């Protein structure tokens, strides 16, 4: 299939300031969660597994230079013999599963931490002239349907052959923490033609500009954290970097998504599932309770 997406990018080079001081010693992407099988695993593994569940064949993880060896060791190396020999037979076999995941992973480096948009741009050469799935390094996804969240987004991309952004519903008191979108329903409460993307709006701005037909007055559509994007996004990221156009001191993604929408059009999908932002302490705590259920 010509428009099938085979690559995914996972930016994982942030400092994790909201989880300080734990992130002095453990990267947030390596924080443990307990999955439905009762297995403890780091967040980054759950994200990689989500990508694979969607049919992704190659995964680029963007890291800080000093963290590259950590991810390399986890996904590509067996434990030291002393530890390996103490593992149960089941866990020794599981080590092979981790290496199978590792065979799909390429580690990419962000030399300077200059924003989410900059981290995505660091994957430009690796992605090449292909569409790709963009995920978040501190979000894990839980589908409420038979298809994984990633598969839902990728399947719509295959149908419409333009960039797709996953979204869900948030009450207005939460929208100042999220990117929001508006548009026109193509399929009621499912697929939307996106007409604007706006990062962390005020309630006043959202009420005036981001309403969507048929939705409650106090409810808006907010970015879920899964994007199927065409490589055109790199042109806009490169333009911002070359002109040093920063927002809140960093190179951001959302304004480039808006430019991509203006240039090529964009489809929105209500994802049938939940996303957990483990980058915040209270949500991480709730994730530990809810994710494995």
C-alpha atoms as a PDB file:
ATOM      1  CA  UNK A   1       0.000   0.000   0.000  1.00  0.00           C
ATOM      2  CA  UNK A   2       1.577   3.245  -1.199  1.00  0.00           C
ATOM      3  CA  UNK A   3       0.353   5.455   1.631  1.00  0.00           C
ATOM      4  CA  UNK A   4       0.967   2.989   4.459  1.00  0.00           C
ATOM      5  CA  UNK A   5       3.011   4.458   7.307  1.00  0.00           C
ATOM      6  CA  UNK A   6       5.930   2.291   8.396  1.00  0.00           C
ATOM      7  CA  UNK A   7       7.934   4.626  10.681  1.00  0.00           C
ATOM      8  CA  UNK A   8       7.223   6.213  14.052  1.00  0.00           C
ATOM      9  CA  UNK A   9       9.049   8.940  15.986  1.00  0.00           C
ATOM     10  CA  UNK A  10       9.081   9.042  19.785  1.00  0.00           C
ATOM     11  CA  UNK A  11      10.771  12.182  21.209  1.00  0.00           C
ATOM     12  CA  UNK A  12      12.293  11.211  24.560  1.00  0.00           C
ATOM     13  CA  UNK A  13      14.885  13.917  25.171  1.00  0.00           C
ATOM     14  CA  UNK A  14      13.109  16.135  27.700  1.00  0.00           C
ATOM     15  CA  UNK A  15      14.370  16.876  31.185  1.00  0.00           C
ATOM     16  CA  UNK A  16      11.189  15.807  33.015  1.00  0.00           C
ATOM     17  CA  UNK A  17      11.119  18.925  35.170  1.00  0.00           C
ATOM     18  CA  UNK A  18       7.562  18.270  36.380  1.00  0.00           C
ATOM     19  CA  UNK A  19       8.733  14.988  37.917  1.00  0.00           C
ATOM     20  CA  UNK A  20      11.772  16.434  39.706  1.00  0.00           C
ATOM     21  CA  UNK A  21      13.603  15.221  41.790  1.00  0.00           C
ATOM     22  CA  UNK A  22      12.926  11.634  40.625  1.00  0.00           C
ATOM     23  CA  UNK A  23      14.156  12.598  37.148  1.00  0.00           C
ATOM     24  CA  UNK A  24      17.568  13.419  38.573  1.00  0.00           C
ATOM     25  CA  UNK A  25      18.203   9.684  38.571  1.00  0.00           C
ATOM     26  CA  UNK A  26      15.538   8.096  36.306  1.00  0.00           C
ATOM     27  CA  UNK A  27      14.343   9.445  32.971  1.00  0.00           C
ATOM     28  CA  UNK A  28      10.559   9.828  32.914  1.00  0.00           C
ATOM     29  CA  UNK A  29      10.398   7.532  29.861  1.00  0.00           C
ATOM     30  CA  UNK A  30      11.846   4.799  32.100  1.00  0.00           C
ATOM     31  CA  UNK A  31       9.366   5.222  34.946  1.00  0.00           C
ATOM     32  CA  UNK A  32       7.674   1.861  35.614  1.00  0.00           C
ATOM     33  CA  UNK A  33       4.061   0.996  34.892  1.00  0.00           C
ATOM     34  CA  UNK A  34       2.195  -2.271  35.416  1.00  0.00           C
ATOM     35  CA  UNK A  35       0.471  -3.617  32.305  1.00  0.00           C
ATOM     36  CA  UNK A  36      -2.671  -5.762  32.003  1.00  0.00           C
ATOM     37  CA  UNK A  37      -0.556  -8.917  32.355  1.00  0.00           C
ATOM     38  CA  UNK A  38       0.850  -7.700  35.663  1.00  0.00           C
ATOM     39  CA  UNK A  39       4.299  -7.115  34.203  1.00  0.00           C
ATOM     40  CA  UNK A  40       6.360  -4.114  35.286  1.00  0.00           C
ATOM     41  CA  UNK A  41       7.832  -2.281  32.325  1.00  0.00           C
ATOM     42  CA  UNK A  42       9.146   1.208  31.558  1.00  0.00           C
ATOM     43  CA  UNK A  43       6.858   3.741  29.890  1.00  0.00           C
ATOM     44  CA  UNK A  44       8.978   3.796  26.722  1.00  0.00           C
ATOM     45  CA  UNK A  45       8.348   0.076  26.155  1.00  0.00           C
ATOM     46  CA  UNK A  46       4.579   0.574  26.318  1.00  0.00           C
ATOM     47  CA  UNK A  47       4.874   3.343  23.701  1.00  0.00           C
ATOM     48  CA  UNK A  48       7.023   1.183  21.423  1.00  0.00           C
ATOM     49  CA  UNK A  49       4.521  -1.676  21.770  1.00  0.00           C
ATOM     50  CA  UNK A  50       1.696   0.723  20.860  1.00  0.00           C
ATOM     51  CA  UNK A  51       3.546   1.664  17.677  1.00  0.00           C
ATOM     52  CA  UNK A  52       4.128  -1.981  16.761  1.00  0.00           C
ATOM     53  CA  UNK A  53       0.457  -2.781  17.440  1.00  0.00           C
ATOM     54  CA  UNK A  54      -0.445  -0.228  14.772  1.00  0.00           C
ATOM     55  CA  UNK A  55       1.708  -1.950  12.160  1.00  0.00           C
ATOM     56  CA  UNK A  56       4.789   0.261  12.506  1.00  0.00           C
ATOM     57  CA  UNK A  57       7.992  -1.462  11.378  1.00  0.00           C
ATOM     58  CA  UNK A  58      10.686   1.087  12.346  1.00  0.00           C
ATOM     59  CA  UNK A  59      10.804   3.327  15.399  1.00  0.00           C
ATOM     60  CA  UNK A  60      13.088   6.314  15.936  1.00  0.00           C
ATOM     61  CA  UNK A  61      13.567   7.333  19.567  1.00  0.00           C
ATOM     62  CA  UNK A  62      15.009  10.842  19.947  1.00  0.00           C
ATOM     63  CA  UNK A  63      17.222  11.061  23.047  1.00  0.00           C
ATOM     64  CA  UNK A  64      19.727  13.305  24.741  1.00  0.00           C
ATOM     65  CA  UNK A  65      23.324  12.280  23.876  1.00  0.00           C
ATOM     66  CA  UNK A  66      24.020  11.035  27.407  1.00  0.00           C
ATOM     67  CA  UNK A  67      20.884   8.852  27.432  1.00  0.00           C
ATOM     68  CA  UNK A  68      21.508   6.948  24.244  1.00  0.00           C
ATOM     69  CA  UNK A  69      23.347   4.132  26.034  1.00  0.00           C
ATOM     70  CA  UNK A  70      20.460   3.642  28.486  1.00  0.00           C
ATOM     71  CA  UNK A  71      17.941   2.953  25.729  1.00  0.00           C
ATOM     72  CA  UNK A  72      20.504   0.914  23.792  1.00  0.00           C
ATOM     73  CA  UNK A  73      21.141  -1.264  26.819  1.00  0.00           C
ATOM     74  CA  UNK A  74      17.462  -1.802  27.580  1.00  0.00           C
ATOM     75  CA  UNK A  75      16.288  -2.776  24.127  1.00  0.00           C
ATOM     76  CA  UNK A  76      19.354  -4.265  22.505  1.00  0.00           C
ATOM     77  CA  UNK A  77      21.494  -5.932  25.183  1.00  0.00           C
ATOM     78  CA  UNK A  78      20.886  -8.941  27.410  1.00  0.00           C
ATOM     79  CA  UNK A  79      21.196  -8.404  31.182  1.00  0.00           C
ATOM     80  CA  UNK A  80      24.548  -9.146  32.753  1.00  0.00           C
ATOM     81  CA  UNK A  81      25.014 -12.919  33.302  1.00  0.00           C
ATOM     82  CA  UNK A  82      24.653 -12.591  37.093  1.00  0.00           C
ATOM     83  CA  UNK A  83      21.158 -11.132  36.684  1.00  0.00           C
ATOM     84  CA  UNK A  84      20.168 -13.148  33.631  1.00  0.00           C
ATOM     85  CA  UNK A  85      20.904 -16.444  35.400  1.00  0.00           C
ATOM     86  CA  UNK A  86      18.637 -15.452  38.307  1.00  0.00           C
ATOM     87  CA  UNK A  87      15.677 -14.812  36.019  1.00  0.00           C
ATOM     88  CA  UNK A  88      12.905 -17.342  35.592  1.00  0.00           C
ATOM     89  CA  UNK A  89      12.750 -19.240  32.316  1.00  0.00           C
ATOM     90  CA  UNK A  90       9.808 -17.056  31.319  1.00  0.00           C
ATOM     91  CA  UNK A  91      11.758 -13.856  31.951  1.00  0.00           C
ATOM     92  CA  UNK A  92      14.822 -15.174  30.155  1.00  0.00           C
ATOM     93  CA  UNK A  93      12.594 -15.726  27.119  1.00  0.00           C
ATOM     94  CA  UNK A  94      11.151 -12.257  27.600  1.00  0.00           C
ATOM     95  CA  UNK A  95      14.654 -10.842  27.148  1.00  0.00           C
ATOM     96  CA  UNK A  96      14.531 -12.139  23.579  1.00  0.00           C
ATOM     97  CA  UNK A  97      11.213 -10.353  23.075  1.00  0.00           C
ATOM     98  CA  UNK A  98      12.849  -7.091  24.183  1.00  0.00           C
ATOM     99  CA  UNK A  99      15.651  -7.612  21.696  1.00  0.00           C
ATOM    100  CA  UNK A 100      13.092  -8.269  18.963  1.00  0.00           C
ATOM    101  CA  UNK A 101      11.566  -4.883  19.807  1.00  0.00           C
ATOM    102  CA  UNK A 102      15.068  -3.420  19.819  1.00  0.00           C
ATOM    103  CA  UNK A 103      15.677  -4.616  16.277  1.00  0.00           C
ATOM    104  CA  UNK A 104      12.966  -2.169  15.143  1.00  0.00           C
ATOM    105  CA  UNK A 105      14.480   0.783  17.044  1.00  0.00           C
ATOM    106  CA  UNK A 106      16.926   3.423  15.820  1.00  0.00           C
ATOM    107  CA  UNK A 107      18.284   5.840  18.420  1.00  0.00           C
ATOM    108  CA  UNK A 108      18.458   9.457  17.251  1.00  0.00           C
ATOM    109  CA  UNK A 109      20.139  12.304  19.131  1.00  0.00           C
ATOM    110  CA  UNK A 110      18.907  15.795  19.995  1.00  0.00           C
ATOM    111  CA  UNK A 111      22.142  17.595  20.917  1.00  0.00           C
ATOM    112  CA  UNK A 112      20.355  20.597  22.419  1.00  0.00           C
ATOM    113  CA  UNK A 113      16.963  20.474  24.102  1.00  0.00           C
ATOM    114  CA  UNK A 114      15.186  23.294  22.290  1.00  0.00           C
ATOM    115  CA  UNK A 115      11.581  22.192  22.296  1.00  0.00           C
ATOM    116  CA  UNK A 116       9.267  19.477  21.064  1.00  0.00           C
ATOM    117  CA  UNK A 117       9.291  20.766  17.497  1.00  0.00           C
ATOM    118  CA  UNK A 118      13.093  20.725  17.494  1.00  0.00           C
ATOM    119  CA  UNK A 119      13.104  17.135  18.776  1.00  0.00           C
ATOM    120  CA  UNK A 120      10.828  16.071  15.929  1.00  0.00           C
ATOM    121  CA  UNK A 121      13.055  17.874  13.418  1.00  0.00           C
ATOM    122  CA  UNK A 122      16.049  15.843  14.637  1.00  0.00           C
ATOM    123  CA  UNK A 123      14.412  12.805  12.995  1.00  0.00           C
ATOM    124  CA  UNK A 124      14.151  14.438   9.559  1.00  0.00           C
ATOM    125  CA  UNK A 125      17.024  12.574   7.874  1.00  0.00           C
ATOM    126  CA  UNK A 126      15.980   9.245   9.376  1.00  0.00           C
ATOM    127  CA  UNK A 127      12.361   9.657   8.260  1.00  0.00           C
ATOM    128  CA  UNK A 128      13.284  10.794   4.757  1.00  0.00           C
ATOM    129  CA  UNK A 129      10.502  11.547   2.309  1.00  0.00           C
ATOM    130  CA  UNK A 130       7.917   9.340   4.023  1.00  0.00           C
ATOM    131  CA  UNK A 131       4.839   9.937   6.169  1.00  0.00           C
ATOM    132  CA  UNK A 132       5.292   8.913   9.790  1.00  0.00           C
ATOM    133  CA  UNK A 133       3.513   8.360  13.082  1.00  0.00           C
ATOM    134  CA  UNK A 134       4.436  10.838  15.814  1.00  0.00           C
ATOM    135  CA  UNK A 135       3.947   9.769  19.418  1.00  0.00           C
ATOM    136  CA  UNK A 136       4.754  11.394  22.761  1.00  0.00           C
ATOM    137  CA  UNK A 137       7.550  10.083  24.951  1.00  0.00           C
ATOM    138  CA  UNK A 138       5.581  10.595  28.163  1.00  0.00           C
ATOM    139  CA  UNK A 139       2.116   9.428  27.053  1.00  0.00           C
ATOM    140  CA  UNK A 140       0.811   5.899  27.072  1.00  0.00           C
ATOM    141  CA  UNK A 141      -2.306   4.886  25.240  1.00  0.00           C
ATOM    142  CA  UNK A 142      -5.118   2.496  26.136  1.00  0.00           C
ATOM    143  CA  UNK A 143      -7.690   1.572  23.498  1.00  0.00           C
ATOM    144  CA  UNK A 144     -11.353   1.046  24.294  1.00  0.00           C
ATOM    145  CA  UNK A 145     -11.833  -0.745  20.968  1.00  0.00           C
ATOM    146  CA  UNK A 146     -10.486  -3.875  19.288  1.00  0.00           C
ATOM    147  CA  UNK A 147      -7.958  -1.790  17.352  1.00  0.00           C
ATOM    148  CA  UNK A 148      -5.125  -0.077  19.209  1.00  0.00           C
ATOM    149  CA  UNK A 149      -5.155   3.723  19.353  1.00  0.00           C
ATOM    150  CA  UNK A 150      -2.232   3.894  16.925  1.00  0.00           C
ATOM    151  CA  UNK A 151      -3.987   1.583  14.471  1.00  0.00           C
ATOM    152  CA  UNK A 152      -7.116   3.745  14.555  1.00  0.00           C
ATOM    153  CA  UNK A 153      -5.128   6.844  13.515  1.00  0.00           C
ATOM    154  CA  UNK A 154      -3.032   5.031  10.907  1.00  0.00           C
ATOM    155  CA  UNK A 155      -6.062   3.430   9.314  1.00  0.00           C
ATOM    156  CA  UNK A 156      -7.705   6.811   8.771  1.00  0.00           C
ATOM    157  CA  UNK A 157      -4.470   8.111   7.217  1.00  0.00           C
ATOM    158  CA  UNK A 158      -4.561   5.223   4.756  1.00  0.00           C
ATOM    159  CA  UNK A 159      -8.123   6.187   3.840  1.00  0.00           C
ATOM    160  CA  UNK A 160      -7.721   9.968   3.446  1.00  0.00           C
ATOM    161  CA  UNK A 161      -4.031  10.163   2.427  1.00  0.00           C
ATOM    162  CA  UNK A 162      -3.442  13.394   4.350  1.00  0.00           C
ATOM    163  CA  UNK A 163      -2.174  14.188   7.836  1.00  0.00           C
ATOM    164  CA  UNK A 164      -4.372  12.900  10.657  1.00  0.00           C
ATOM    165  CA  UNK A 165      -4.431  14.154  14.213  1.00  0.00           C
ATOM    166  CA  UNK A 166      -6.021  12.137  16.999  1.00  0.00           C
ATOM    167  CA  UNK A 167      -8.147  13.988  19.524  1.00  0.00           C
ATOM    168  CA  UNK A 168     -10.530  13.447  22.413  1.00  0.00           C
ATOM    169  CA  UNK A 169     -12.941  15.477  24.510  1.00  0.00           C
ATOM    170  CA  UNK A 170     -11.872  17.661  27.425  1.00  0.00           C
ATOM    171  CA  UNK A 171     -13.896  19.921  29.729  1.00  0.00           C
ATOM    172  CA  UNK A 172     -13.117  23.605  29.370  1.00  0.00           C
ATOM    173  CA  UNK A 173     -11.336  23.833  32.722  1.00  0.00           C
ATOM    174  CA  UNK A 174      -8.627  21.497  31.352  1.00  0.00           C
ATOM    175  CA  UNK A 175      -7.994  23.010  27.918  1.00  0.00           C
ATOM    176  CA  UNK A 176      -5.309  25.436  29.098  1.00  0.00           C
ATOM    177  CA  UNK A 177      -3.062  22.363  29.394  1.00  0.00           C
ATOM    178  CA  UNK A 178      -3.639  21.019  25.881  1.00  0.00           C
ATOM    179  CA  UNK A 179      -3.558  21.752  22.195  1.00  0.00           C
ATOM    180  CA  UNK A 180      -7.102  22.178  20.894  1.00  0.00           C
ATOM    181  CA  UNK A 181      -8.659  21.821  17.463  1.00  0.00           C
ATOM    182  CA  UNK A 182     -11.887  22.759  15.767  1.00  0.00           C
ATOM    183  CA  UNK A 183     -13.466  21.876  12.465  1.00  0.00           C
ATOM    184  CA  UNK A 184     -16.430  20.445  10.605  1.00  0.00           C
ATOM    185  CA  UNK A 185     -17.711  16.923  11.153  1.00  0.00           C
ATOM    186  CA  UNK A 186     -17.318  14.577   8.195  1.00  0.00           C
ATOM    187  CA  UNK A 187     -18.679  11.697  10.256  1.00  0.00           C
ATOM    188  CA  UNK A 188     -20.544  12.840  13.358  1.00  0.00           C
ATOM    189  CA  UNK A 189     -18.515  12.393  16.563  1.00  0.00           C
ATOM    190  CA  UNK A 190     -15.830  10.487  14.681  1.00  0.00           C
ATOM    191  CA  UNK A 191     -14.007  12.178  11.781  1.00  0.00           C
ATOM    192  CA  UNK A 192     -13.503  15.907  11.391  1.00  0.00           C
ATOM    193  CA  UNK A 193     -12.122  18.251   8.759  1.00  0.00           C
ATOM    194  CA  UNK A 194      -9.741  20.330  10.880  1.00  0.00           C
ATOM    195  CA  UNK A 195     -10.040  24.096  10.412  1.00  0.00           C
ATOM    196  CA  UNK A 196      -7.817  25.341  13.253  1.00  0.00           C
ATOM    197  CA  UNK A 197      -5.230  24.055  15.727  1.00  0.00           C
ATOM    198  CA  UNK A 198      -4.427  26.195  18.757  1.00  0.00           C
ATOM    199  CA  UNK A 199      -2.025  25.503  21.622  1.00  0.00           C
ATOM    200  CA  UNK A 200      -3.327  25.839  25.196  1.00  0.00           C
ATOM    201  CA  UNK A 201      -6.123  28.368  24.603  1.00  0.00           C
ATOM    202  CA  UNK A 202      -7.812  30.424  27.258  1.00  0.00           C
ATOM    203  CA  UNK A 203     -11.434  29.536  27.935  1.00  0.00           C
ATOM    204  CA  UNK A 204     -12.450  32.877  26.437  1.00  0.00           C
ATOM    205  CA  UNK A 205     -10.570  32.210  23.185  1.00  0.00           C
ATOM    206  CA  UNK A 206     -11.912  28.665  22.957  1.00  0.00           C
ATOM    207  CA  UNK A 207     -15.516  29.739  23.498  1.00  0.00           C
ATOM    208  CA  UNK A 208     -15.186  32.300  20.716  1.00  0.00           C
ATOM    209  CA  UNK A 209     -13.092  30.362  18.168  1.00  0.00           C
ATOM    210  CA  UNK A 210     -12.937  26.626  18.908  1.00  0.00           C
ATOM    211  CA  UNK A 211     -16.520  25.509  19.226  1.00  0.00           C
ATOM    212  CA  UNK A 212     -17.627  22.424  17.310  1.00  0.00           C
ATOM    213  CA  UNK A 213     -21.204  21.857  16.188  1.00  0.00           C
ATOM    214  CA  UNK A 214     -23.248  19.572  18.381  1.00  0.00           C
ATOM    215  CA  UNK A 215     -20.898  19.603  21.368  1.00  0.00           C
ATOM    216  CA  UNK A 216     -21.706  20.813  24.865  1.00  0.00           C
ATOM    217  CA  UNK A 217     -20.869  24.444  25.589  1.00  0.00           C
ATOM    218  CA  UNK A 218     -18.243  23.471  28.175  1.00  0.00           C
ATOM    219  CA  UNK A 219     -16.520  20.758  26.104  1.00  0.00           C
ATOM    220  CA  UNK A 220     -13.784  21.006  23.473  1.00  0.00           C
ATOM    221  CA  UNK A 221     -11.678  18.775  21.230  1.00  0.00           C
ATOM    222  CA  UNK A 222      -8.103  18.386  22.446  1.00  0.00           C
ATOM    223  CA  UNK A 223      -5.055  16.704  20.967  1.00  0.00           C
ATOM    224  CA  UNK A 224      -4.720  13.053  22.002  1.00  0.00           C
ATOM    225  CA  UNK A 225      -0.983  12.721  21.349  1.00  0.00           C
ATOM    226  CA  UNK A 226      -0.955  10.580  18.192  1.00  0.00           C
ATOM    227  CA  UNK A 227      -0.303  12.156  14.796  1.00  0.00           C
ATOM    228  CA  UNK A 228       0.057  10.643  11.316  1.00  0.00           C
ATOM    229  CA  UNK A 229       2.005  13.315   9.434  1.00  0.00           C
ATOM    230  CA  UNK A 230       3.363  13.916   5.968  1.00  0.00           C
ATOM    231  CA  UNK A 231       7.069  14.873   5.662  1.00  0.00           C
ATOM    232  CA  UNK A 232       5.972  18.417   4.695  1.00  0.00           C
ATOM    233  CA  UNK A 233       5.934  19.166   8.447  1.00  0.00           C
ATOM    234  CA  UNK A 234       9.749  19.230   8.374  1.00  0.00           C
ATOM    235  CA  UNK A 235       9.700  22.197   5.962  1.00  0.00           C
ATOM    236  CA  UNK A 236       7.826  24.301   8.504  1.00  0.00           C
ATOM    237  CA  UNK A 237       9.953  23.122  11.429  1.00  0.00           C
ATOM    238  CA  UNK A 238      13.111  23.928   9.446  1.00  0.00           C
ATOM    239  CA  UNK A 239      11.776  27.378   8.598  1.00  0.00           C
ATOM    240  CA  UNK A 240      11.162  28.138  12.287  1.00  0.00           C
ATOM    241  CA  UNK A 241      14.609  26.853  13.271  1.00  0.00           C
ATOM    242  CA  UNK A 242      16.428  28.753  10.497  1.00  0.00           C
ATOM    243  CA  UNK A 243      14.646  32.009  11.378  1.00  0.00           C
ATOM    244  CA  UNK A 244      14.939  31.333  15.126  1.00  0.00           C
ATOM    245  CA  UNK A 245      11.167  31.621  15.523  1.00  0.00           C
ATOM    246  CA  UNK A 246      10.558  30.496  19.095  1.00  0.00           C
ATOM    247  CA  UNK A 247       7.453  30.321  21.222  1.00  0.00           C
ATOM    248  CA  UNK A 248       8.014  30.491  24.977  1.00  0.00           C
ATOM    249  CA  UNK A 249      11.726  30.181  24.238  1.00  0.00           C
ATOM    250  CA  UNK A 250      11.487  26.937  22.260  1.00  0.00           C
ATOM    251  CA  UNK A 251      10.706  25.581  18.811  1.00  0.00           C
ATOM    252  CA  UNK A 252       7.172  24.287  19.068  1.00  0.00           C
ATOM    253  CA  UNK A 253       5.209  21.787  17.002  1.00  0.00           C
ATOM    254  CA  UNK A 254       1.641  23.106  17.167  1.00  0.00           C
ATOM    255  CA  UNK A 255       2.169  26.244  15.068  1.00  0.00           C
ATOM    256  CA  UNK A 256       3.845  24.080  12.416  1.00  0.00           C
ATOM    257  CA  UNK A 257       0.894  21.694  12.486  1.00  0.00           C
ATOM    258  CA  UNK A 258      -1.343  24.671  11.750  1.00  0.00           C
ATOM    259  CA  UNK A 259       0.837  25.589   8.764  1.00  0.00           C
ATOM    260  CA  UNK A 260       0.720  21.988   7.577  1.00  0.00           C
ATOM    261  CA  UNK A 261      -3.069  22.066   7.826  1.00  0.00           C
ATOM    262  CA  UNK A 262      -3.211  25.270   5.785  1.00  0.00           C
ATOM    263  CA  UNK A 263      -0.910  23.816   3.108  1.00  0.00           C
ATOM    264  CA  UNK A 264      -2.300  20.297   2.718  1.00  0.00           C
ATOM    265  CA  UNK A 265      -5.462  19.965   4.753  1.00  0.00           C
ATOM    266  CA  UNK A 266      -5.805  17.810   7.855  1.00  0.00           C
ATOM    267  CA  UNK A 267      -8.235  15.239   9.212  1.00  0.00           C
ATOM    268  CA  UNK A 268      -9.095  14.763  12.869  1.00  0.00           C
ATOM    269  CA  UNK A 269     -10.164  11.493  14.461  1.00  0.00           C
ATOM    270  CA  UNK A 270     -11.887  10.948  17.781  1.00  0.00           C
ATOM    271  CA  UNK A 271      -9.720   8.164  19.216  1.00  0.00           C
ATOM    272  CA  UNK A 272     -11.671   5.433  20.951  1.00  0.00           C
ATOM    273  CA  UNK A 273      -9.421   5.167  23.967  1.00  0.00           C
ATOM    274  CA  UNK A 274      -7.574   6.999  26.696  1.00  0.00           C
ATOM    275  CA  UNK A 275      -4.205   8.681  26.913  1.00  0.00           C
ATOM    276  CA  UNK A 276      -2.210   8.948  30.140  1.00  0.00           C
ATOM    277  CA  UNK A 277       0.288  11.816  30.486  1.00  0.00           C
ATOM    278  CA  UNK A 278       2.771  10.366  32.938  1.00  0.00           C
ATOM    279  CA  UNK A 279       4.812  13.586  32.844  1.00  0.00           C
ATOM    280  CA  UNK A 280       2.700  14.969  35.701  1.00  0.00           C
ATOM    281  CA  UNK A 281       2.914  13.412  39.189  1.00  0.00           C
ATOM    282  CA  UNK A 282      -0.825  13.197  39.851  1.00  0.00           C
ATOM    283  CA  UNK A 283      -1.545  11.652  36.434  1.00  0.00           C
ATOM    284  CA  UNK A 284       1.342   9.212  36.813  1.00  0.00           C
ATOM    285  CA  UNK A 285      -0.112   8.095  40.136  1.00  0.00           C
ATOM    286  CA  UNK A 286      -3.547   7.604  38.519  1.00  0.00           C
ATOM    287  CA  UNK A 287      -1.942   5.767  35.594  1.00  0.00           C
ATOM    288  CA  UNK A 288      -0.483   3.218  38.001  1.00  0.00           C
ATOM    289  CA  UNK A 289      -4.032   2.566  39.219  1.00  0.00           C
ATOM    290  CA  UNK A 290      -5.910   2.604  35.905  1.00  0.00           C
ATOM    291  CA  UNK A 291      -3.588   1.449  33.126  1.00  0.00           C
ATOM    292  CA  UNK A 292      -3.439  -2.220  34.031  1.00  0.00           C
ATOM    293  CA  UNK A 293      -7.208  -2.571  34.490  1.00  0.00           C
END
